[in-house]
């Protein structure tokens, strides 16, 4: 769930805002003069977004993912661990 509030409101309720956004999937968009300027989210969510962006920018990896999705070949968890040397 996302909330929208002014920077002034957020400053007045700062710790409540932190409590809201620390839950997964929760965001607060902060506005200045009615214009969205900043989005606050849980650090774990942020890390997930950043990791996703890194993966999406890795063209060889994205090609491998697309190829794997097209092949629809399934392997067991045991096979995956063996292939990854885990």
PDB file of N, CA and C in Angstrom:
ATOM      1  N   UNK A   1       0.846  -1.169   0.000  1.00  0.00           N
ATOM      2  CA  UNK A   1       0.000   0.000   0.000  1.00  0.00           C
ATOM      3  C   UNK A   1       0.893   1.233   0.000  1.00  0.00           C
ATOM      4  N   UNK A   2       0.482   2.211  -0.771  1.00  0.00           N
ATOM      5  CA  UNK A   2       1.290   3.425  -0.788  1.00  0.00           C
ATOM      6  C   UNK A   2       0.501   4.597  -0.233  1.00  0.00           C
ATOM      7  N   UNK A   3       1.236   5.500   0.376  1.00  0.00           N
ATOM      8  CA  UNK A   3       0.668   6.733   0.898  1.00  0.00           C
ATOM      9  C   UNK A   3       1.350   7.892   0.198  1.00  0.00           C
ATOM     10  N   UNK A   4       0.650   8.996   0.142  1.00  0.00           N
ATOM     11  CA  UNK A   4       1.226  10.230  -0.390  1.00  0.00           C
ATOM     12  C   UNK A   4       1.059  11.291   0.689  1.00  0.00           C
ATOM     13  N   UNK A   5       2.135  12.002   0.980  1.00  0.00           N
ATOM     14  CA  UNK A   5       2.042  13.072   1.973  1.00  0.00           C
ATOM     15  C   UNK A   5       3.074  14.146   1.668  1.00  0.00           C
ATOM     16  N   UNK A   6       2.826  15.319   2.194  1.00  0.00           N
ATOM     17  CA  UNK A   6       3.768  16.415   1.980  1.00  0.00           C
ATOM     18  C   UNK A   6       5.016  16.192   2.831  1.00  0.00           C
ATOM     19  N   UNK A   7       6.099  16.803   2.418  1.00  0.00           N
ATOM     20  CA  UNK A   7       7.344  16.708   3.182  1.00  0.00           C
ATOM     21  C   UNK A   7       7.133  17.262   4.594  1.00  0.00           C
ATOM     22  N   UNK A   8       6.333  18.285   4.715  1.00  0.00           N
ATOM     23  CA  UNK A   8       6.051  18.872   6.032  1.00  0.00           C
ATOM     24  C   UNK A   8       5.334  17.865   6.922  1.00  0.00           C
ATOM     25  N   UNK A   9       4.318  17.196   6.371  1.00  0.00           N
ATOM     26  CA  UNK A   9       3.605  16.170   7.144  1.00  0.00           C
ATOM     27  C   UNK A   9       4.560  15.048   7.545  1.00  0.00           C
ATOM     28  N   UNK A  10       5.404  14.625   6.611  1.00  0.00           N
ATOM     29  CA  UNK A  10       6.347  13.545   6.896  1.00  0.00           C
ATOM     30  C   UNK A  10       7.312  13.941   8.000  1.00  0.00           C
ATOM     31  N   UNK A  11       7.761  15.185   7.972  1.00  0.00           N
ATOM     32  CA  UNK A  11       8.687  15.661   9.004  1.00  0.00           C
ATOM     33  C   UNK A  11       7.997  15.619  10.369  1.00  0.00           C
ATOM     34  N   UNK A  12       6.734  16.008  10.424  1.00  0.00           N
ATOM     35  CA  UNK A  12       6.000  16.016  11.682  1.00  0.00           C
ATOM     36  C   UNK A  12       5.714  14.604  12.200  1.00  0.00           C
ATOM     37  N   UNK A  13       5.631  13.645  11.291  1.00  0.00           N
ATOM     38  CA  UNK A  13       5.284  12.266  11.660  1.00  0.00           C
ATOM     39  C   UNK A  13       6.398  11.295  11.265  1.00  0.00           C
ATOM     40  N   UNK A  14       7.623  11.744  11.331  1.00  0.00           N
ATOM     41  CA  UNK A  14       8.746  10.999  10.773  1.00  0.00           C
ATOM     42  C   UNK A  14       8.806   9.545  11.241  1.00  0.00           C
ATOM     43  N   UNK A  15       8.687   9.307  12.530  1.00  0.00           N
ATOM     44  CA  UNK A  15       8.810   7.942  13.031  1.00  0.00           C
ATOM     45  C   UNK A  15       7.619   7.077  12.626  1.00  0.00           C
ATOM     46  N   UNK A  16       6.436   7.681  12.489  1.00  0.00           N
ATOM     47  CA  UNK A  16       5.279   6.941  11.976  1.00  0.00           C
ATOM     48  C   UNK A  16       5.496   6.561  10.514  1.00  0.00           C
ATOM     49  N   UNK A  17       6.106   7.456   9.754  1.00  0.00           N
ATOM     50  CA  UNK A  17       6.407   7.168   8.351  1.00  0.00           C
ATOM     51  C   UNK A  17       7.375   5.992   8.266  1.00  0.00           C
ATOM     52  N   UNK A  18       8.407   6.008   9.102  1.00  0.00           N
ATOM     53  CA  UNK A  18       9.360   4.901   9.121  1.00  0.00           C
ATOM     54  C   UNK A  18       8.655   3.593   9.458  1.00  0.00           C
ATOM     55  N   UNK A  19       7.797   3.613  10.455  1.00  0.00           N
ATOM     56  CA  UNK A  19       7.065   2.404  10.828  1.00  0.00           C
ATOM     57  C   UNK A  19       6.191   1.915   9.668  1.00  0.00           C
ATOM     58  N   UNK A  20       5.630   2.819   8.908  1.00  0.00           N
ATOM     59  CA  UNK A  20       4.782   2.441   7.769  1.00  0.00           C
ATOM     60  C   UNK A  20       5.610   1.784   6.670  1.00  0.00           C
ATOM     61  N   UNK A  21       6.720   2.410   6.303  1.00  0.00           N
ATOM     62  CA  UNK A  21       7.483   1.924   5.148  1.00  0.00           C
ATOM     63  C   UNK A  21       8.396   0.746   5.465  1.00  0.00           C
ATOM     64  N   UNK A  22       8.627   0.449   6.740  1.00  0.00           N
ATOM     65  CA  UNK A  22       9.517  -0.670   7.040  1.00  0.00           C
ATOM     66  C   UNK A  22       8.856  -2.010   6.749  1.00  0.00           C
ATOM     67  N   UNK A  23       7.552  -2.010   6.508  1.00  0.00           N
ATOM     68  CA  UNK A  23       6.846  -3.243   6.148  1.00  0.00           C
ATOM     69  C   UNK A  23       7.000  -3.468   4.643  1.00  0.00           C
ATOM     70  N   UNK A  24       7.228  -4.721   4.230  1.00  0.00           N
ATOM     71  CA  UNK A  24       7.405  -5.000   2.801  1.00  0.00           C
ATOM     72  C   UNK A  24       6.224  -4.509   1.959  1.00  0.00           C
ATOM     73  N   UNK A  25       6.563  -3.890   0.835  1.00  0.00           N
ATOM     74  CA  UNK A  25       5.543  -3.431  -0.100  1.00  0.00           C
ATOM     75  C   UNK A  25       4.897  -2.099   0.231  1.00  0.00           C
ATOM     76  N   UNK A  26       5.271  -1.501   1.343  1.00  0.00           N
ATOM     77  CA  UNK A  26       4.682  -0.221   1.751  1.00  0.00           C
ATOM     78  C   UNK A  26       5.596   0.915   1.312  1.00  0.00           C
ATOM     79  N   UNK A  27       5.012   1.966   0.778  1.00  0.00           N
ATOM     80  CA  UNK A  27       5.790   3.136   0.367  1.00  0.00           C
ATOM     81  C   UNK A  27       5.077   4.408   0.793  1.00  0.00           C
ATOM     82  N   UNK A  28       5.858   5.461   0.875  1.00  0.00           N
ATOM     83  CA  UNK A  28       5.319   6.806   1.088  1.00  0.00           C
ATOM     84  C   UNK A  28       5.971   7.711   0.058  1.00  0.00           C
ATOM     85  N   UNK A  29       5.140   8.390  -0.716  1.00  0.00           N
ATOM     86  CA  UNK A  29       5.634   9.369  -1.677  1.00  0.00           C
ATOM     87  C   UNK A  29       5.555  10.732  -1.012  1.00  0.00           C
ATOM     88  N   UNK A  30       6.685  11.420  -0.965  1.00  0.00           N
ATOM     89  CA  UNK A  30       6.728  12.747  -0.349  1.00  0.00           C
ATOM     90  C   UNK A  30       6.629  13.801  -1.437  1.00  0.00           C
ATOM     91  N   UNK A  31       5.790  14.792  -1.162  1.00  0.00           N
ATOM     92  CA  UNK A  31       5.585  15.857  -2.133  1.00  0.00           C
ATOM     93  C   UNK A  31       6.084  17.188  -1.585  1.00  0.00           C
ATOM     94  N   UNK A  32       6.466  18.054  -2.505  1.00  0.00           N
ATOM     95  CA  UNK A  32       6.820  19.438  -2.185  1.00  0.00           C
ATOM     96  C   UNK A  32       5.998  20.298  -3.134  1.00  0.00           C
ATOM     97  N   UNK A  33       5.189  21.169  -2.559  1.00  0.00           N
ATOM     98  CA  UNK A  33       4.284  22.010  -3.342  1.00  0.00           C
ATOM     99  C   UNK A  33       3.404  21.171  -4.275  1.00  0.00           C
ATOM    100  N   UNK A  34       2.983  19.989  -3.783  1.00  0.00           N
ATOM    101  CA  UNK A  34       2.088  19.126  -4.544  1.00  0.00           C
ATOM    102  C   UNK A  34       2.755  18.252  -5.594  1.00  0.00           C
ATOM    103  N   UNK A  35       4.067  18.378  -5.751  1.00  0.00           N
ATOM    104  CA  UNK A  35       4.793  17.587  -6.741  1.00  0.00           C
ATOM    105  C   UNK A  35       5.567  16.466  -6.048  1.00  0.00           C
ATOM    106  N   UNK A  36       5.414  15.241  -6.558  1.00  0.00           N
ATOM    107  CA  UNK A  36       6.126  14.096  -5.996  1.00  0.00           C
ATOM    108  C   UNK A  36       7.626  14.307  -6.167  1.00  0.00           C
ATOM    109  N   UNK A  37       8.367  14.125  -5.078  1.00  0.00           N
ATOM    110  CA  UNK A  37       9.813  14.346  -5.104  1.00  0.00           C
ATOM    111  C   UNK A  37      10.611  13.130  -4.662  1.00  0.00           C
ATOM    112  N   UNK A  38      10.095  12.380  -3.681  1.00  0.00           N
ATOM    113  CA  UNK A  38      10.863  11.289  -3.080  1.00  0.00           C
ATOM    114  C   UNK A  38       9.905  10.158  -2.716  1.00  0.00           C
ATOM    115  N   UNK A  39      10.394   8.928  -2.857  1.00  0.00           N
ATOM    116  CA  UNK A  39       9.631   7.773  -2.390  1.00  0.00           C
ATOM    117  C   UNK A  39      10.446   7.087  -1.304  1.00  0.00           C
ATOM    118  N   UNK A  40       9.802   6.812  -0.192  1.00  0.00           N
ATOM    119  CA  UNK A  40      10.446   6.079   0.896  1.00  0.00           C
ATOM    120  C   UNK A  40       9.917   4.648   0.873  1.00  0.00           C
ATOM    121  N   UNK A  41      10.832   3.697   1.090  1.00  0.00           N
ATOM    122  CA  UNK A  41      10.447   2.287   1.132  1.00  0.00           C
ATOM    123  C   UNK A  41      11.382   1.546   2.071  1.00  0.00           C
ATOM    124  N   UNK A  42      11.019   0.332   2.409  1.00  0.00           N
ATOM    125  CA  UNK A  42      11.861  -0.493   3.274  1.00  0.00           C
ATOM    126  C   UNK A  42      13.196  -0.750   2.583  1.00  0.00           C
ATOM    127  N   UNK A  43      14.245  -0.820   3.354  1.00  0.00           N
ATOM    128  CA  UNK A  43      15.576  -1.053   2.801  1.00  0.00           C
ATOM    129  C   UNK A  43      15.638  -2.379   2.047  1.00  0.00           C
ATOM    130  N   UNK A  44      14.981  -3.402   2.577  1.00  0.00           N
ATOM    131  CA  UNK A  44      14.973  -4.706   1.908  1.00  0.00           C
ATOM    132  C   UNK A  44      14.318  -4.610   0.535  1.00  0.00           C
ATOM    133  N   UNK A  45      13.226  -3.842   0.430  1.00  0.00           N
ATOM    134  CA  UNK A  45      12.574  -3.641  -0.866  1.00  0.00           C
ATOM    135  C   UNK A  45      13.517  -2.909  -1.819  1.00  0.00           C
ATOM    136  N   UNK A  46      14.190  -1.900  -1.305  1.00  0.00           N
ATOM    137  CA  UNK A  46      15.139  -1.137  -2.117  1.00  0.00           C
ATOM    138  C   UNK A  46      16.239  -2.048  -2.657  1.00  0.00           C
ATOM    139  N   UNK A  47      16.800  -2.882  -1.787  1.00  0.00           N
ATOM    140  CA  UNK A  47      17.846  -3.806  -2.221  1.00  0.00           C
ATOM    141  C   UNK A  47      17.336  -4.742  -3.310  1.00  0.00           C
ATOM    142  N   UNK A  48      16.104  -5.202  -3.168  1.00  0.00           N
ATOM    143  CA  UNK A  48      15.507  -6.074  -4.180  1.00  0.00           C
ATOM    144  C   UNK A  48      15.378  -5.376  -5.517  1.00  0.00           C
ATOM    145  N   UNK A  49      14.926  -4.116  -5.496  1.00  0.00           N
ATOM    146  CA  UNK A  49      14.813  -3.326  -6.735  1.00  0.00           C
ATOM    147  C   UNK A  49      16.186  -3.151  -7.381  1.00  0.00           C
ATOM    148  N   UNK A  50      17.182  -2.836  -6.568  1.00  0.00           N
ATOM    149  CA  UNK A  50      18.522  -2.619  -7.109  1.00  0.00           C
ATOM    150  C   UNK A  50      19.085  -3.900  -7.719  1.00  0.00           C
ATOM    151  N   UNK A  51      18.864  -5.020  -7.064  1.00  0.00           N
ATOM    152  CA  UNK A  51      19.334  -6.291  -7.604  1.00  0.00           C
ATOM    153  C   UNK A  51      18.633  -6.611  -8.924  1.00  0.00           C
ATOM    154  N   UNK A  52      17.340  -6.349  -8.973  1.00  0.00           N
ATOM    155  CA  UNK A  52      16.584  -6.573 -10.213  1.00  0.00           C
ATOM    156  C   UNK A  52      17.121  -5.703 -11.342  1.00  0.00           C
ATOM    157  N   UNK A  53      17.408  -4.442 -11.051  1.00  0.00           N
ATOM    158  CA  UNK A  53      17.963  -3.553 -12.072  1.00  0.00           C
ATOM    159  C   UNK A  53      19.312  -4.048 -12.562  1.00  0.00           C
ATOM    160  N   UNK A  54      20.145  -4.526 -11.649  1.00  0.00           N
ATOM    161  CA  UNK A  54      21.455  -5.051 -12.039  1.00  0.00           C
ATOM    162  C   UNK A  54      21.294  -6.253 -12.970  1.00  0.00           C
ATOM    163  N   UNK A  55      20.381  -7.140 -12.629  1.00  0.00           N
ATOM    164  CA  UNK A  55      20.138  -8.317 -13.462  1.00  0.00           C
ATOM    165  C   UNK A  55      19.642  -7.893 -14.836  1.00  0.00           C
ATOM    166  N   UNK A  56      18.707  -6.949 -14.865  1.00  0.00           N
ATOM    167  CA  UNK A  56      18.140  -6.510 -16.140  1.00  0.00           C
ATOM    168  C   UNK A  56      19.169  -5.812 -17.027  1.00  0.00           C
ATOM    169  N   UNK A  57      20.200  -5.239 -16.438  1.00  0.00           N
ATOM    170  CA  UNK A  57      21.235  -4.565 -17.213  1.00  0.00           C
ATOM    171  C   UNK A  57      22.316  -5.525 -17.696  1.00  0.00           C
ATOM    172  N   UNK A  58      22.287  -6.748 -17.206  1.00  0.00           N
ATOM    173  CA  UNK A  58      23.266  -7.763 -17.601  1.00  0.00           C
ATOM    174  C   UNK A  58      22.710  -8.498 -18.825  1.00  0.00           C
ATOM    175  N   UNK A  59      23.065  -8.027 -20.020  1.00  0.00           N
ATOM    176  CA  UNK A  59      22.498  -8.563 -21.256  1.00  0.00           C
ATOM    177  C   UNK A  59      22.742 -10.056 -21.440  1.00  0.00           C
ATOM    178  N   UNK A  60      23.966 -10.570 -21.200  1.00  0.00           N
ATOM    179  CA  UNK A  60      24.156 -12.017 -21.333  1.00  0.00           C
ATOM    180  C   UNK A  60      23.266 -12.825 -20.380  1.00  0.00           C
ATOM    181  N   UNK A  61      23.133 -12.352 -19.155  1.00  0.00           N
ATOM    182  CA  UNK A  61      22.283 -13.049 -18.192  1.00  0.00           C
ATOM    183  C   UNK A  61      20.826 -13.018 -18.631  1.00  0.00           C
ATOM    184  N   UNK A  62      20.352 -11.872 -19.128  1.00  0.00           N
ATOM    185  CA  UNK A  62      18.974 -11.765 -19.597  1.00  0.00           C
ATOM    186  C   UNK A  62      18.727 -12.696 -20.778  1.00  0.00           C
ATOM    187  N   UNK A  63      19.720 -12.842 -21.662  1.00  0.00           N
ATOM    188  CA  UNK A  63      19.585 -13.785 -22.783  1.00  0.00           C
ATOM    189  C   UNK A  63      19.469 -15.213 -22.256  1.00  0.00           C
ATOM    190  N   UNK A  64      20.291 -15.540 -21.248  1.00  0.00           N
ATOM    191  CA  UNK A  64      20.229 -16.879 -20.656  1.00  0.00           C
ATOM    192  C   UNK A  64      18.872 -17.131 -19.998  1.00  0.00           C
ATOM    193  N   UNK A  65      18.350 -16.126 -19.321  1.00  0.00           N
ATOM    194  CA  UNK A  65      17.047 -16.265 -18.662  1.00  0.00           C
ATOM    195  C   UNK A  65      15.960 -16.471 -19.708  1.00  0.00           C
ATOM    196  N   UNK A  66      15.983 -15.669 -20.781  1.00  0.00           N
ATOM    197  CA  UNK A  66      14.984 -15.805 -21.839  1.00  0.00           C
ATOM    198  C   UNK A  66      15.073 -17.183 -22.490  1.00  0.00           C
ATOM    199  N   UNK A  67      16.283 -17.648 -22.722  1.00  0.00           N
ATOM    200  CA  UNK A  67      16.500 -18.967 -23.333  1.00  0.00           C
ATOM    201  C   UNK A  67      15.942 -20.058 -22.421  1.00  0.00           C
ATOM    202  N   UNK A  68      16.218 -19.937 -21.138  1.00  0.00           N
ATOM    203  CA  UNK A  68      15.738 -20.936 -20.180  1.00  0.00           C
ATOM    204  C   UNK A  68      14.210 -20.945 -20.113  1.00  0.00           C
ATOM    205  N   UNK A  69      13.608 -19.776 -20.147  1.00  0.00           N
ATOM    206  CA  UNK A  69      12.146 -19.703 -20.100  1.00  0.00           C
ATOM    207  C   UNK A  69      11.521 -20.324 -21.341  1.00  0.00           C
ATOM    208  N   UNK A  70      12.159 -20.135 -22.482  1.00  0.00           N
ATOM    209  CA  UNK A  70      11.639 -20.716 -23.727  1.00  0.00           C
ATOM    210  C   UNK A  70      11.783 -22.231 -23.743  1.00  0.00           C
ATOM    211  N   UNK A  71      12.860 -22.757 -23.154  1.00  0.00           N
ATOM    212  CA  UNK A  71      13.111 -24.198 -23.197  1.00  0.00           C
ATOM    213  C   UNK A  71      12.102 -24.975 -22.355  1.00  0.00           C
ATOM    214  N   UNK A  72      11.615 -24.353 -21.300  1.00  0.00           N
ATOM    215  CA  UNK A  72      10.649 -24.976 -20.379  1.00  0.00           C
ATOM    216  C   UNK A  72      11.154 -26.302 -19.828  1.00  0.00           C
ATOM    217  N   UNK A  73      12.462 -26.478 -19.816  1.00  0.00           N
ATOM    218  CA  UNK A  73      13.050 -27.686 -19.251  1.00  0.00           C
ATOM    219  C   UNK A  73      13.146 -27.510 -17.742  1.00  0.00           C
ATOM    220  N   UNK A  74      12.584 -28.436 -17.020  1.00  0.00           N
ATOM    221  CA  UNK A  74      12.614 -28.384 -15.569  1.00  0.00           C
ATOM    222  C   UNK A  74      13.641 -29.368 -15.037  1.00  0.00           C
ATOM    223  N   UNK A  75      14.306 -28.962 -13.967  1.00  0.00           N
ATOM    224  CA  UNK A  75      15.225 -29.867 -13.281  1.00  0.00           C
ATOM    225  C   UNK A  75      14.876 -29.866 -11.805  1.00  0.00           C
ATOM    226  N   UNK A  76      15.307 -30.885 -11.118  1.00  0.00           N
ATOM    227  CA  UNK A  76      15.029 -30.971  -9.680  1.00  0.00           C
ATOM    228  C   UNK A  76      15.956 -30.027  -8.922  1.00  0.00           C
ATOM    229  N   UNK A  77      15.597 -29.776  -7.680  1.00  0.00           N
ATOM    230  CA  UNK A  77      16.429 -28.939  -6.820  1.00  0.00           C
ATOM    231  C   UNK A  77      17.801 -29.593  -6.644  1.00  0.00           C
ATOM    232  N   UNK A  78      17.834 -30.907  -6.526  1.00  0.00           N
ATOM    233  CA  UNK A  78      19.105 -31.621  -6.369  1.00  0.00           C
ATOM    234  C   UNK A  78      19.994 -31.406  -7.589  1.00  0.00           C
ATOM    235  N   UNK A  79      19.410 -31.455  -8.810  1.00  0.00           N
ATOM    236  CA  UNK A  79      20.183 -31.213 -10.027  1.00  0.00           C
ATOM    237  C   UNK A  79      20.711 -29.784 -10.071  1.00  0.00           C
ATOM    238  N   UNK A  80      19.873 -28.850  -9.653  1.00  0.00           N
ATOM    239  CA  UNK A  80      20.282 -27.438  -9.651  1.00  0.00           C
ATOM    240  C   UNK A  80      21.454 -27.238  -8.702  1.00  0.00           C
ATOM    241  N   UNK A  81      21.378 -27.811  -7.506  1.00  0.00           N
ATOM    242  CA  UNK A  81      22.484 -27.674  -6.552  1.00  0.00           C
ATOM    243  C   UNK A  81      23.758 -28.290  -7.103  1.00  0.00           C
ATOM    244  N   UNK A  82      23.641 -29.431  -7.759  1.00  0.00           N
ATOM    245  CA  UNK A  82      24.815 -30.088  -8.344  1.00  0.00           C
ATOM    246  C   UNK A  82      25.405 -29.203  -9.446  1.00  0.00           C
ATOM    247  N   UNK A  83      24.563 -28.645 -10.304  1.00  0.00           N
ATOM    248  CA  UNK A  83      25.026 -27.786 -11.394  1.00  0.00           C
ATOM    249  C   UNK A  83      25.715 -26.524 -10.880  1.00  0.00           C
ATOM    250  N   UNK A  84      25.266 -26.045  -9.720  1.00  0.00           N
ATOM    251  CA  UNK A  84      25.824 -24.817  -9.143  1.00  0.00           C
ATOM    252  C   UNK A  84      26.921 -25.091  -8.126  1.00  0.00           C
ATOM    253  N   UNK A  85      27.278 -26.360  -7.962  1.00  0.00           N
ATOM    254  CA  UNK A  85      28.304 -26.750  -6.989  1.00  0.00           C
ATOM    255  C   UNK A  85      27.953 -26.301  -5.578  1.00  0.00           C
ATOM    256  N   UNK A  86      26.720 -26.481  -5.196  1.00  0.00           N
ATOM    257  CA  UNK A  86      26.286 -26.101  -3.836  1.00  0.00           C
ATOM    258  C   UNK A  86      26.311 -27.286  -2.908  1.00  0.00           C
TER     259      UNK A  86
END
